[in-house]
Amino acid sequence: MFEFKSSLEDTFQSWSKPASESEEEKCENAIKMIKDALSKSEALKNREIQLIPKGSYHNNTNVRLTSDVDIAVKLKDVFYTKYPDGKVDKDFGNSTASYTFSQYRSDIETAMITHFGAENVELGNKAIQINFNSYRVDADVVPCFEHRRYSLDGSYLTGTEFQTRHSQDRIINFPEQHYSNGVRKNTITSRRFKKMVRIFKRLRYNLLDEGYDVENVSSFLVESLIWNVPNNRFNNATLTEDVQKCFDYLIEQTSSVEKTKEWGEVSELLYLFRTGRKYTLNDAHRFLVEGRKYLFK
């Protein structure tokens, strides 16, 4: 059983803090080494590739020292598209590329194995995991193509898109928009947004450690839930009041499909509760109800 500090406020003050600075240095080292690996690849060195740090580390919501750094390795030479209804490649001057995603992923894998050694590289369904040493933390390298969401006028939003290794599912993300939106909300709420995210993430880990049924509630979902809390619920006199306000709002809202049907991820470019998710609205609601009971016994 987790032991709280002398008061809930003390606990929340502790939980609201980010990872240590030494861990940040290890994350930076991992990114540098991945860049080095790509630059030495004959197949990739002349490609236009953008490395996009993402996830808890990059968004400054990391709460565990052993967390991986997530890096999208986005190829910009070739891209996936989403057109307005009825539109096709030729309407926007695009054509089918000969370089496939499977080829690209294979080239990334070869570059990582050559640089880090086969014993330090694991090929997962979504990511290529680079195993840690004392100098760097584990890194999840996600090969992806640029994703372009077109408007009728030919302009487009850019994100990332990749195929999973085993099921060939297509997964779209908008990590750069996620990051910028999180920074903006954090500023508006006097830095309480990310403090709340860290608090609720640490709550999730405690519930997991004590056997609560919250396996489907990912860190990403926790951050997205707090994102959907109105800004006026933050920045109360204490962190405890902020936590209570978040619980009150989220529990009431997640009790209804209708109230959450327009909720978005932090990027505000993908819906949070639509088909194709590993989690459900009920998972989120149960986490919140159990979490409040756990904290405010």
C-alpha atoms as a PDB file:
ATOM      1  CA  MET A   1       0.000   0.000   0.000  1.00  0.00           C
ATOM      2  CA  PHE A   2       1.342   3.420  -0.949  1.00  0.00           C
ATOM      3  CA  GLU A   3       1.915   5.710   2.040  1.00  0.00           C
ATOM      4  CA  PHE A   4       0.858   9.320   1.572  1.00  0.00           C
ATOM      5  CA  LYS A   5       2.970  12.173   2.865  1.00  0.00           C
ATOM      6  CA  SER A   6       1.856  14.144   5.927  1.00  0.00           C
ATOM      7  CA  SER A   7      -0.932  15.724   3.906  1.00  0.00           C
ATOM      8  CA  LEU A   8      -2.503  15.300   0.503  1.00  0.00           C
ATOM      9  CA  GLU A   9      -1.133  18.687  -0.516  1.00  0.00           C
ATOM     10  CA  ASP A  10       2.407  17.524   0.289  1.00  0.00           C
ATOM     11  CA  THR A  11       1.788  14.391  -1.771  1.00  0.00           C
ATOM     12  CA  PHE A  12       0.499  16.377  -4.726  1.00  0.00           C
ATOM     13  CA  GLN A  13       3.412  18.812  -4.517  1.00  0.00           C
ATOM     14  CA  SER A  14       5.764  15.824  -4.780  1.00  0.00           C
ATOM     15  CA  TRP A  15       3.793  14.109  -7.535  1.00  0.00           C
ATOM     16  CA  SER A  16       3.614  17.276  -9.632  1.00  0.00           C
ATOM     17  CA  LYS A  17       7.366  17.406 -10.216  1.00  0.00           C
ATOM     18  CA  PRO A  18       8.944  16.256 -13.515  1.00  0.00           C
ATOM     19  CA  ALA A  19      11.742  13.742 -13.975  1.00  0.00           C
ATOM     20  CA  SER A  20      15.234  14.577 -12.747  1.00  0.00           C
ATOM     21  CA  GLU A  21      17.681  16.635 -14.771  1.00  0.00           C
ATOM     22  CA  SER A  22      20.129  13.733 -15.023  1.00  0.00           C
ATOM     23  CA  GLU A  23      17.424  11.694 -16.721  1.00  0.00           C
ATOM     24  CA  GLU A  24      16.837  14.538 -19.168  1.00  0.00           C
ATOM     25  CA  GLU A  25      20.515  14.365 -20.120  1.00  0.00           C
ATOM     26  CA  LYS A  26      20.237  10.645 -20.830  1.00  0.00           C
ATOM     27  CA  CYS A  27      17.251  11.327 -23.086  1.00  0.00           C
ATOM     28  CA  GLU A  28      19.207  13.941 -25.022  1.00  0.00           C
ATOM     29  CA  ASN A  29      22.054  11.467 -25.410  1.00  0.00           C
ATOM     30  CA  ALA A  30      19.673   8.857 -26.846  1.00  0.00           C
ATOM     31  CA  ILE A  31      18.380  11.330 -29.451  1.00  0.00           C
ATOM     32  CA  LYS A  32      21.915  12.295 -30.460  1.00  0.00           C
ATOM     33  CA  MET A  33      22.933   8.667 -30.931  1.00  0.00           C
ATOM     34  CA  ILE A  34      19.897   7.913 -33.077  1.00  0.00           C
ATOM     35  CA  LYS A  35      20.753  10.901 -35.271  1.00  0.00           C
ATOM     36  CA  ASP A  36      24.284   9.543 -35.586  1.00  0.00           C
ATOM     37  CA  ALA A  37      22.982   6.120 -36.605  1.00  0.00           C
ATOM     38  CA  LEU A  38      20.796   7.607 -39.348  1.00  0.00           C
ATOM     39  CA  SER A  39      23.562   9.834 -40.693  1.00  0.00           C
ATOM     40  CA  LYS A  40      25.829   6.814 -41.259  1.00  0.00           C
ATOM     41  CA  SER A  41      23.230   4.841 -43.225  1.00  0.00           C
ATOM     42  CA  GLU A  42      23.926   4.733 -46.972  1.00  0.00           C
ATOM     43  CA  ALA A  43      20.235   4.088 -47.634  1.00  0.00           C
ATOM     44  CA  LEU A  44      19.032   7.014 -45.521  1.00  0.00           C
ATOM     45  CA  LYS A  45      21.709   9.697 -45.379  1.00  0.00           C
ATOM     46  CA  ASN A  46      20.353  11.540 -48.433  1.00  0.00           C
ATOM     47  CA  ARG A  47      16.695  11.223 -47.434  1.00  0.00           C
ATOM     48  CA  GLU A  48      14.809  14.119 -45.878  1.00  0.00           C
ATOM     49  CA  ILE A  49      14.156  12.829 -42.372  1.00  0.00           C
ATOM     50  CA  GLN A  50      12.833  14.717 -39.365  1.00  0.00           C
ATOM     51  CA  LEU A  51      13.300  13.397 -35.833  1.00  0.00           C
ATOM     52  CA  ILE A  52      10.341  14.337 -33.657  1.00  0.00           C
ATOM     53  CA  PRO A  53      10.643  13.669 -29.914  1.00  0.00           C
ATOM     54  CA  LYS A  54       7.235  12.817 -28.526  1.00  0.00           C
ATOM     55  CA  GLY A  55       5.524  11.226 -25.570  1.00  0.00           C
ATOM     56  CA  SER A  56       5.953  11.959 -21.873  1.00  0.00           C
ATOM     57  CA  TYR A  57       9.627  12.902 -22.066  1.00  0.00           C
ATOM     58  CA  HIS A  58       9.229  15.533 -24.748  1.00  0.00           C
ATOM     59  CA  ASN A  59       5.970  16.884 -23.323  1.00  0.00           C
ATOM     60  CA  ASN A  60       7.556  17.243 -19.881  1.00  0.00           C
ATOM     61  CA  THR A  61       4.986  15.000 -18.213  1.00  0.00           C
ATOM     62  CA  ASN A  62       7.333  12.098 -17.481  1.00  0.00           C
ATOM     63  CA  VAL A  63       7.005  10.763 -13.931  1.00  0.00           C
ATOM     64  CA  ARG A  64       9.207   7.651 -13.912  1.00  0.00           C
ATOM     65  CA  LEU A  65      12.984   7.652 -14.213  1.00  0.00           C
ATOM     66  CA  THR A  66      12.949   4.451 -16.267  1.00  0.00           C
ATOM     67  CA  SER A  67      10.591   5.750 -18.963  1.00  0.00           C
ATOM     68  CA  ASP A  68      11.609   5.423 -22.594  1.00  0.00           C
ATOM     69  CA  VAL A  69      12.194   8.371 -24.859  1.00  0.00           C
ATOM     70  CA  ASP A  70       9.883   8.127 -27.893  1.00  0.00           C
ATOM     71  CA  ILE A  71      11.168   9.404 -31.215  1.00  0.00           C
ATOM     72  CA  ALA A  72       9.229   9.506 -34.481  1.00  0.00           C
ATOM     73  CA  VAL A  73      11.623   9.190 -37.408  1.00  0.00           C
ATOM     74  CA  LYS A  74       9.533  10.868 -40.081  1.00  0.00           C
ATOM     75  CA  LEU A  75      10.366  10.544 -43.763  1.00  0.00           C
ATOM     76  CA  LYS A  76       9.271  13.675 -45.612  1.00  0.00           C
ATOM     77  CA  ASP A  77      10.250  12.532 -49.138  1.00  0.00           C
ATOM     78  CA  VAL A  78       7.283  10.135 -49.181  1.00  0.00           C
ATOM     79  CA  PHE A  79       3.958  10.762 -47.486  1.00  0.00           C
ATOM     80  CA  TYR A  80       0.537   9.338 -46.761  1.00  0.00           C
ATOM     81  CA  THR A  81      -2.498  11.437 -47.578  1.00  0.00           C
ATOM     82  CA  LYS A  82      -6.028  12.084 -46.403  1.00  0.00           C
ATOM     83  CA  TYR A  83      -8.070  13.980 -48.997  1.00  0.00           C
ATOM     84  CA  PRO A  84     -11.476  15.636 -48.812  1.00  0.00           C
ATOM     85  CA  ASP A  85     -14.259  13.312 -49.963  1.00  0.00           C
ATOM     86  CA  GLY A  86     -14.146  12.654 -53.698  1.00  0.00           C
ATOM     87  CA  LYS A  87     -10.588  13.916 -54.189  1.00  0.00           C
ATOM     88  CA  VAL A  88      -7.619  11.803 -55.361  1.00  0.00           C
ATOM     89  CA  ASP A  89      -3.852  12.164 -55.900  1.00  0.00           C
ATOM     90  CA  LYS A  90      -4.032  13.908 -59.254  1.00  0.00           C
ATOM     91  CA  ASP A  91      -6.257  16.670 -57.852  1.00  0.00           C
ATOM     92  CA  PHE A  92      -3.305  17.809 -55.731  1.00  0.00           C
ATOM     93  CA  GLY A  93      -0.433  16.940 -58.063  1.00  0.00           C
ATOM     94  CA  ASN A  94       0.638  13.839 -56.152  1.00  0.00           C
ATOM     95  CA  SER A  95       1.596  10.407 -57.482  1.00  0.00           C
ATOM     96  CA  THR A  96       2.316   6.951 -56.066  1.00  0.00           C
ATOM     97  CA  ALA A  97       5.829   6.503 -54.649  1.00  0.00           C
ATOM     98  CA  SER A  98       7.995   3.474 -55.389  1.00  0.00           C
ATOM     99  CA  TYR A  99       9.660   3.517 -51.969  1.00  0.00           C
ATOM    100  CA  THR A 100       7.364   1.589 -49.626  1.00  0.00           C
ATOM    101  CA  PHE A 101       6.909   1.898 -45.903  1.00  0.00           C
ATOM    102  CA  SER A 102       8.176  -1.647 -45.333  1.00  0.00           C
ATOM    103  CA  GLN A 103      11.394  -0.739 -47.180  1.00  0.00           C
ATOM    104  CA  TYR A 104      11.803   2.377 -45.079  1.00  0.00           C
ATOM    105  CA  ARG A 105      11.268   0.517 -41.805  1.00  0.00           C
ATOM    106  CA  SER A 106      13.789  -2.103 -42.914  1.00  0.00           C
ATOM    107  CA  ASP A 107      16.357   0.607 -43.681  1.00  0.00           C
ATOM    108  CA  ILE A 108      15.791   2.161 -40.231  1.00  0.00           C
ATOM    109  CA  GLU A 109      16.171  -1.230 -38.563  1.00  0.00           C
ATOM    110  CA  THR A 110      19.438  -1.887 -40.400  1.00  0.00           C
ATOM    111  CA  ALA A 111      20.772   1.524 -39.371  1.00  0.00           C
ATOM    112  CA  MET A 112      19.919   0.924 -35.704  1.00  0.00           C
ATOM    113  CA  ILE A 113      21.400  -2.592 -35.623  1.00  0.00           C
ATOM    114  CA  THR A 114      24.586  -1.452 -37.385  1.00  0.00           C
ATOM    115  CA  HIS A 115      25.091   1.403 -34.933  1.00  0.00           C
ATOM    116  CA  PHE A 116      23.943  -0.094 -31.620  1.00  0.00           C
ATOM    117  CA  GLY A 117      24.503  -3.815 -32.209  1.00  0.00           C
ATOM    118  CA  ALA A 118      21.870  -6.506 -32.711  1.00  0.00           C
ATOM    119  CA  GLU A 119      21.958  -7.413 -29.013  1.00  0.00           C
ATOM    120  CA  ASN A 120      20.731  -3.912 -28.110  1.00  0.00           C
ATOM    121  CA  VAL A 121      17.902  -3.660 -30.636  1.00  0.00           C
ATOM    122  CA  GLU A 122      14.421  -5.194 -30.367  1.00  0.00           C
ATOM    123  CA  LEU A 123      11.951  -5.073 -33.254  1.00  0.00           C
ATOM    124  CA  GLY A 124       8.477  -4.429 -31.884  1.00  0.00           C
ATOM    125  CA  ASN A 125       5.084  -4.168 -33.536  1.00  0.00           C
ATOM    126  CA  LYS A 126       5.157  -0.367 -33.577  1.00  0.00           C
ATOM    127  CA  ALA A 127       8.638   0.692 -32.564  1.00  0.00           C
ATOM    128  CA  ILE A 128      12.269  -0.336 -32.683  1.00  0.00           C
ATOM    129  CA  GLN A 129      13.486  -0.410 -29.106  1.00  0.00           C
ATOM    130  CA  ILE A 130      17.050   0.578 -28.342  1.00  0.00           C
ATOM    131  CA  ASN A 131      18.026  -0.945 -24.999  1.00  0.00           C
ATOM    132  CA  PHE A 132      19.627   1.243 -22.377  1.00  0.00           C
ATOM    133  CA  ASN A 133      23.025   1.526 -20.763  1.00  0.00           C
ATOM    134  CA  SER A 134      24.337   3.900 -18.105  1.00  0.00           C
ATOM    135  CA  TYR A 135      24.728   6.659 -20.695  1.00  0.00           C
ATOM    136  CA  ARG A 136      21.280   6.694 -22.213  1.00  0.00           C
ATOM    137  CA  VAL A 137      17.726   5.595 -21.437  1.00  0.00           C
ATOM    138  CA  ASP A 138      15.769   3.132 -23.526  1.00  0.00           C
ATOM    139  CA  ALA A 139      14.528   4.652 -26.765  1.00  0.00           C
ATOM    140  CA  ASP A 140      11.497   3.672 -28.832  1.00  0.00           C
ATOM    141  CA  VAL A 141      12.228   4.609 -32.435  1.00  0.00           C
ATOM    142  CA  VAL A 142       9.074   4.791 -34.562  1.00  0.00           C
ATOM    143  CA  PRO A 143       9.651   4.845 -38.343  1.00  0.00           C
ATOM    144  CA  CYS A 144       6.879   6.790 -40.030  1.00  0.00           C
ATOM    145  CA  PHE A 145       5.997   8.650 -43.201  1.00  0.00           C
ATOM    146  CA  GLU A 146       4.707  12.189 -43.170  1.00  0.00           C
ATOM    147  CA  HIS A 147       0.926  12.311 -43.002  1.00  0.00           C
ATOM    148  CA  ARG A 148      -0.825  15.106 -44.889  1.00  0.00           C
ATOM    149  CA  ARG A 149      -4.425  16.055 -44.170  1.00  0.00           C
ATOM    150  CA  TYR A 150      -5.476  18.109 -47.184  1.00  0.00           C
ATOM    151  CA  SER A 151      -8.031  20.881 -47.467  1.00  0.00           C
ATOM    152  CA  LEU A 152      -9.869  21.709 -50.700  1.00  0.00           C
ATOM    153  CA  ASP A 153      -7.563  24.658 -51.382  1.00  0.00           C
ATOM    154  CA  GLY A 154      -4.516  22.372 -51.447  1.00  0.00           C
ATOM    155  CA  SER A 155      -3.157  23.356 -48.035  1.00  0.00           C
ATOM    156  CA  TYR A 156      -2.544  20.576 -45.544  1.00  0.00           C
ATOM    157  CA  LEU A 157      -1.771  19.769 -41.933  1.00  0.00           C
ATOM    158  CA  THR A 158       1.210  17.503 -41.312  1.00  0.00           C
ATOM    159  CA  GLY A 159       1.481  14.640 -38.874  1.00  0.00           C
ATOM    160  CA  THR A 160       2.965  11.147 -38.817  1.00  0.00           C
ATOM    161  CA  GLU A 161       1.602   7.846 -40.082  1.00  0.00           C
ATOM    162  CA  PHE A 162       2.958   4.315 -39.955  1.00  0.00           C
ATOM    163  CA  GLN A 163       1.914   0.695 -40.381  1.00  0.00           C
ATOM    164  CA  THR A 164       2.266  -1.785 -37.536  1.00  0.00           C
ATOM    165  CA  ARG A 165       4.540  -4.710 -38.254  1.00  0.00           C
ATOM    166  CA  HIS A 166       2.158  -7.588 -37.600  1.00  0.00           C
ATOM    167  CA  SER A 167      -1.389  -6.416 -38.330  1.00  0.00           C
ATOM    168  CA  GLN A 168      -0.526  -3.666 -40.811  1.00  0.00           C
ATOM    169  CA  ASP A 169      -2.792  -1.243 -38.944  1.00  0.00           C
ATOM    170  CA  ARG A 170      -2.317   2.370 -39.978  1.00  0.00           C
ATOM    171  CA  ILE A 171      -1.708   4.751 -37.078  1.00  0.00           C
ATOM    172  CA  ILE A 172      -1.859   8.542 -37.413  1.00  0.00           C
ATOM    173  CA  ASN A 173      -0.496  10.992 -34.849  1.00  0.00           C
ATOM    174  CA  PHE A 174       0.113  14.727 -34.630  1.00  0.00           C
ATOM    175  CA  PRO A 175       2.976  15.005 -32.112  1.00  0.00           C
ATOM    176  CA  GLU A 176       4.038  18.549 -32.971  1.00  0.00           C
ATOM    177  CA  GLN A 177       0.525  19.950 -32.528  1.00  0.00           C
ATOM    178  CA  HIS A 178       0.211  17.922 -29.321  1.00  0.00           C
ATOM    179  CA  TYR A 179       3.357  19.533 -27.982  1.00  0.00           C
ATOM    180  CA  SER A 180       2.467  23.117 -28.894  1.00  0.00           C
ATOM    181  CA  ASN A 181      -1.082  22.815 -27.531  1.00  0.00           C
ATOM    182  CA  GLY A 182       0.215  21.398 -24.261  1.00  0.00           C
ATOM    183  CA  VAL A 183       2.697  24.241 -23.867  1.00  0.00           C
ATOM    184  CA  ARG A 184      -0.024  26.807 -24.534  1.00  0.00           C
ATOM    185  CA  LYS A 185      -2.475  25.315 -22.037  1.00  0.00           C
ATOM    186  CA  ASN A 186       0.287  25.037 -19.458  1.00  0.00           C
ATOM    187  CA  THR A 187       1.058  28.733 -19.858  1.00  0.00           C
ATOM    188  CA  ILE A 188      -2.599  29.759 -19.649  1.00  0.00           C
ATOM    189  CA  THR A 189      -3.089  27.737 -16.459  1.00  0.00           C
ATOM    190  CA  SER A 190       0.083  29.086 -14.788  1.00  0.00           C
ATOM    191  CA  ARG A 191       1.799  25.701 -15.274  1.00  0.00           C
ATOM    192  CA  ARG A 192      -0.932  23.804 -13.442  1.00  0.00           C
ATOM    193  CA  PHE A 193      -1.937  21.757 -16.519  1.00  0.00           C
ATOM    194  CA  LYS A 194       1.238  19.685 -16.625  1.00  0.00           C
ATOM    195  CA  LYS A 195       1.350  19.458 -12.853  1.00  0.00           C
ATOM    196  CA  MET A 196      -2.129  17.918 -12.948  1.00  0.00           C
ATOM    197  CA  VAL A 197      -1.057  15.530 -15.705  1.00  0.00           C
ATOM    198  CA  ARG A 198       1.891  14.329 -13.615  1.00  0.00           C
ATOM    199  CA  ILE A 199      -0.279  13.935 -10.514  1.00  0.00           C
ATOM    200  CA  PHE A 200      -2.876  11.869 -12.362  1.00  0.00           C
ATOM    201  CA  LYS A 201      -0.166   9.792 -14.045  1.00  0.00           C
ATOM    202  CA  ARG A 202       1.399   8.974 -10.689  1.00  0.00           C
ATOM    203  CA  LEU A 203      -2.055   8.096  -9.410  1.00  0.00           C
ATOM    204  CA  ARG A 204      -2.422   5.700 -12.343  1.00  0.00           C
ATOM    205  CA  TYR A 205       0.891   3.992 -11.524  1.00  0.00           C
ATOM    206  CA  ASN A 206      -0.118   3.582  -7.884  1.00  0.00           C
ATOM    207  CA  LEU A 207      -3.436   2.042  -8.887  1.00  0.00           C
ATOM    208  CA  LEU A 208      -1.661  -0.335 -11.273  1.00  0.00           C
ATOM    209  CA  ASP A 209       0.858  -1.328  -8.605  1.00  0.00           C
ATOM    210  CA  GLU A 210      -1.965  -2.115  -6.179  1.00  0.00           C
ATOM    211  CA  GLY A 211      -3.919  -4.254  -8.636  1.00  0.00           C
ATOM    212  CA  TYR A 212      -6.693  -1.914  -9.724  1.00  0.00           C
ATOM    213  CA  ASP A 213      -8.287  -2.622 -13.099  1.00  0.00           C
ATOM    214  CA  VAL A 214      -6.811   0.316 -15.013  1.00  0.00           C
ATOM    215  CA  GLU A 215      -4.638  -1.546 -17.527  1.00  0.00           C
ATOM    216  CA  ASN A 216      -6.393   0.062 -20.485  1.00  0.00           C
ATOM    217  CA  VAL A 217      -5.846   3.579 -19.162  1.00  0.00           C
ATOM    218  CA  SER A 218      -2.635   4.713 -20.854  1.00  0.00           C
ATOM    219  CA  SER A 219      -0.503   7.703 -19.919  1.00  0.00           C
ATOM    220  CA  PHE A 220      -1.616   9.241 -23.196  1.00  0.00           C
ATOM    221  CA  LEU A 221      -5.267   8.908 -22.187  1.00  0.00           C
ATOM    222  CA  VAL A 222      -4.575  10.465 -18.780  1.00  0.00           C
ATOM    223  CA  GLU A 223      -2.953  13.498 -20.416  1.00  0.00           C
ATOM    224  CA  SER A 224      -5.821  13.812 -22.882  1.00  0.00           C
ATOM    225  CA  LEU A 225      -8.396  13.688 -20.087  1.00  0.00           C
ATOM    226  CA  ILE A 226      -6.713  16.551 -18.254  1.00  0.00           C
ATOM    227  CA  TRP A 227      -6.454  18.425 -21.568  1.00  0.00           C
ATOM    228  CA  ASN A 228     -10.247  18.423 -21.800  1.00  0.00           C
ATOM    229  CA  VAL A 229     -10.701  20.042 -18.383  1.00  0.00           C
ATOM    230  CA  PRO A 230     -11.631  23.734 -18.866  1.00  0.00           C
ATOM    231  CA  ASN A 231      -8.866  26.185 -18.011  1.00  0.00           C
ATOM    232  CA  ASN A 232     -10.960  27.871 -15.303  1.00  0.00           C
ATOM    233  CA  ARG A 233     -10.843  24.673 -13.226  1.00  0.00           C
ATOM    234  CA  PHE A 234      -7.075  25.115 -12.735  1.00  0.00           C
ATOM    235  CA  ASN A 235      -4.958  27.523 -10.668  1.00  0.00           C
ATOM    236  CA  ASN A 236      -6.907  27.373  -7.427  1.00  0.00           C
ATOM    237  CA  ALA A 237      -5.294  28.186  -4.088  1.00  0.00           C
ATOM    238  CA  THR A 238      -3.839  24.681  -3.719  1.00  0.00           C
ATOM    239  CA  LEU A 239      -2.996  21.705  -5.910  1.00  0.00           C
ATOM    240  CA  THR A 240      -5.479  19.691  -3.869  1.00  0.00           C
ATOM    241  CA  GLU A 241      -8.279  21.993  -5.011  1.00  0.00           C
ATOM    242  CA  ASP A 242      -7.135  21.658  -8.621  1.00  0.00           C
ATOM    243  CA  VAL A 243      -7.174  17.871  -8.315  1.00  0.00           C
ATOM    244  CA  GLN A 244     -10.674  17.931  -6.864  1.00  0.00           C
ATOM    245  CA  LYS A 245     -11.924  20.268  -9.596  1.00  0.00           C
ATOM    246  CA  CYS A 246     -10.478  17.974 -12.271  1.00  0.00           C
ATOM    247  CA  PHE A 247     -12.104  14.925 -10.698  1.00  0.00           C
ATOM    248  CA  ASP A 248     -15.469  16.660 -10.357  1.00  0.00           C
ATOM    249  CA  TYR A 249     -15.520  17.774 -13.971  1.00  0.00           C
ATOM    250  CA  LEU A 250     -14.133  14.599 -15.525  1.00  0.00           C
ATOM    251  CA  ILE A 251     -16.267  12.144 -13.574  1.00  0.00           C
ATOM    252  CA  GLU A 252     -19.436  14.037 -14.407  1.00  0.00           C
ATOM    253  CA  GLN A 253     -18.544  14.407 -18.093  1.00  0.00           C
ATOM    254  CA  THR A 254     -17.295  10.836 -18.687  1.00  0.00           C
ATOM    255  CA  SER A 255     -20.563   9.440 -17.344  1.00  0.00           C
ATOM    256  CA  SER A 256     -22.113  10.368 -20.710  1.00  0.00           C
ATOM    257  CA  VAL A 257     -21.173   9.449 -24.274  1.00  0.00           C
ATOM    258  CA  GLU A 258     -22.984  12.542 -25.501  1.00  0.00           C
ATOM    259  CA  LYS A 259     -20.926  14.893 -23.319  1.00  0.00           C
ATOM    260  CA  THR A 260     -17.597  13.528 -24.527  1.00  0.00           C
ATOM    261  CA  LYS A 261     -18.286  12.749 -28.192  1.00  0.00           C
ATOM    262  CA  GLU A 262     -16.473  15.898 -29.374  1.00  0.00           C
ATOM    263  CA  TRP A 263     -13.499  15.557 -27.025  1.00  0.00           C
ATOM    264  CA  GLY A 264     -10.160  15.513 -28.788  1.00  0.00           C
ATOM    265  CA  GLU A 265      -6.639  14.393 -28.105  1.00  0.00           C
ATOM    266  CA  VAL A 266      -4.247  17.137 -27.044  1.00  0.00           C
ATOM    267  CA  SER A 267      -3.492  17.791 -30.723  1.00  0.00           C
ATOM    268  CA  GLU A 268      -7.209  18.557 -31.250  1.00  0.00           C
ATOM    269  CA  LEU A 269      -6.894  16.805 -34.625  1.00  0.00           C
ATOM    270  CA  LEU A 270      -8.148  13.355 -33.610  1.00  0.00           C
ATOM    271  CA  TYR A 271     -11.169  12.403 -31.496  1.00  0.00           C
ATOM    272  CA  LEU A 272     -10.432  10.882 -28.096  1.00  0.00           C
ATOM    273  CA  PHE A 273     -13.405   8.535 -27.801  1.00  0.00           C
ATOM    274  CA  ARG A 274     -14.143   7.055 -31.201  1.00  0.00           C
ATOM    275  CA  THR A 275     -13.753   3.582 -32.703  1.00  0.00           C
ATOM    276  CA  GLY A 276     -10.381   1.888 -32.976  1.00  0.00           C
ATOM    277  CA  ARG A 277      -9.151   2.682 -29.467  1.00  0.00           C
ATOM    278  CA  LYS A 278      -7.772   0.158 -26.991  1.00  0.00           C
ATOM    279  CA  TYR A 279      -9.503   2.043 -24.188  1.00  0.00           C
ATOM    280  CA  THR A 280     -13.173   2.934 -23.778  1.00  0.00           C
ATOM    281  CA  LEU A 281     -15.070   5.763 -22.148  1.00  0.00           C
ATOM    282  CA  ASN A 282     -16.019   3.307 -19.401  1.00  0.00           C
ATOM    283  CA  ASP A 283     -12.325   2.593 -18.758  1.00  0.00           C
ATOM    284  CA  ALA A 284     -11.674   6.299 -18.300  1.00  0.00           C
ATOM    285  CA  HIS A 285     -14.699   6.792 -16.040  1.00  0.00           C
ATOM    286  CA  ARG A 286     -13.794   3.816 -13.841  1.00  0.00           C
ATOM    287  CA  PHE A 287     -10.205   5.079 -13.469  1.00  0.00           C
ATOM    288  CA  LEU A 288     -11.465   8.474 -12.339  1.00  0.00           C
ATOM    289  CA  VAL A 289     -14.009   7.092  -9.874  1.00  0.00           C
ATOM    290  CA  GLU A 290     -11.539   4.625  -8.366  1.00  0.00           C
ATOM    291  CA  GLY A 291      -8.803   7.248  -8.322  1.00  0.00           C
ATOM    292  CA  ARG A 292     -10.886   9.738  -6.361  1.00  0.00           C
ATOM    293  CA  LYS A 293     -11.881   7.073  -3.836  1.00  0.00           C
ATOM    294  CA  TYR A 294      -8.210   6.075  -3.492  1.00  0.00           C
ATOM    295  CA  LEU A 295      -7.048   9.614  -2.781  1.00  0.00           C
ATOM    296  CA  PHE A 296      -9.936  11.083  -0.817  1.00  0.00           C
ATOM    297  CA  LYS A 297     -10.799   8.197   1.467  1.00  0.00           C
END
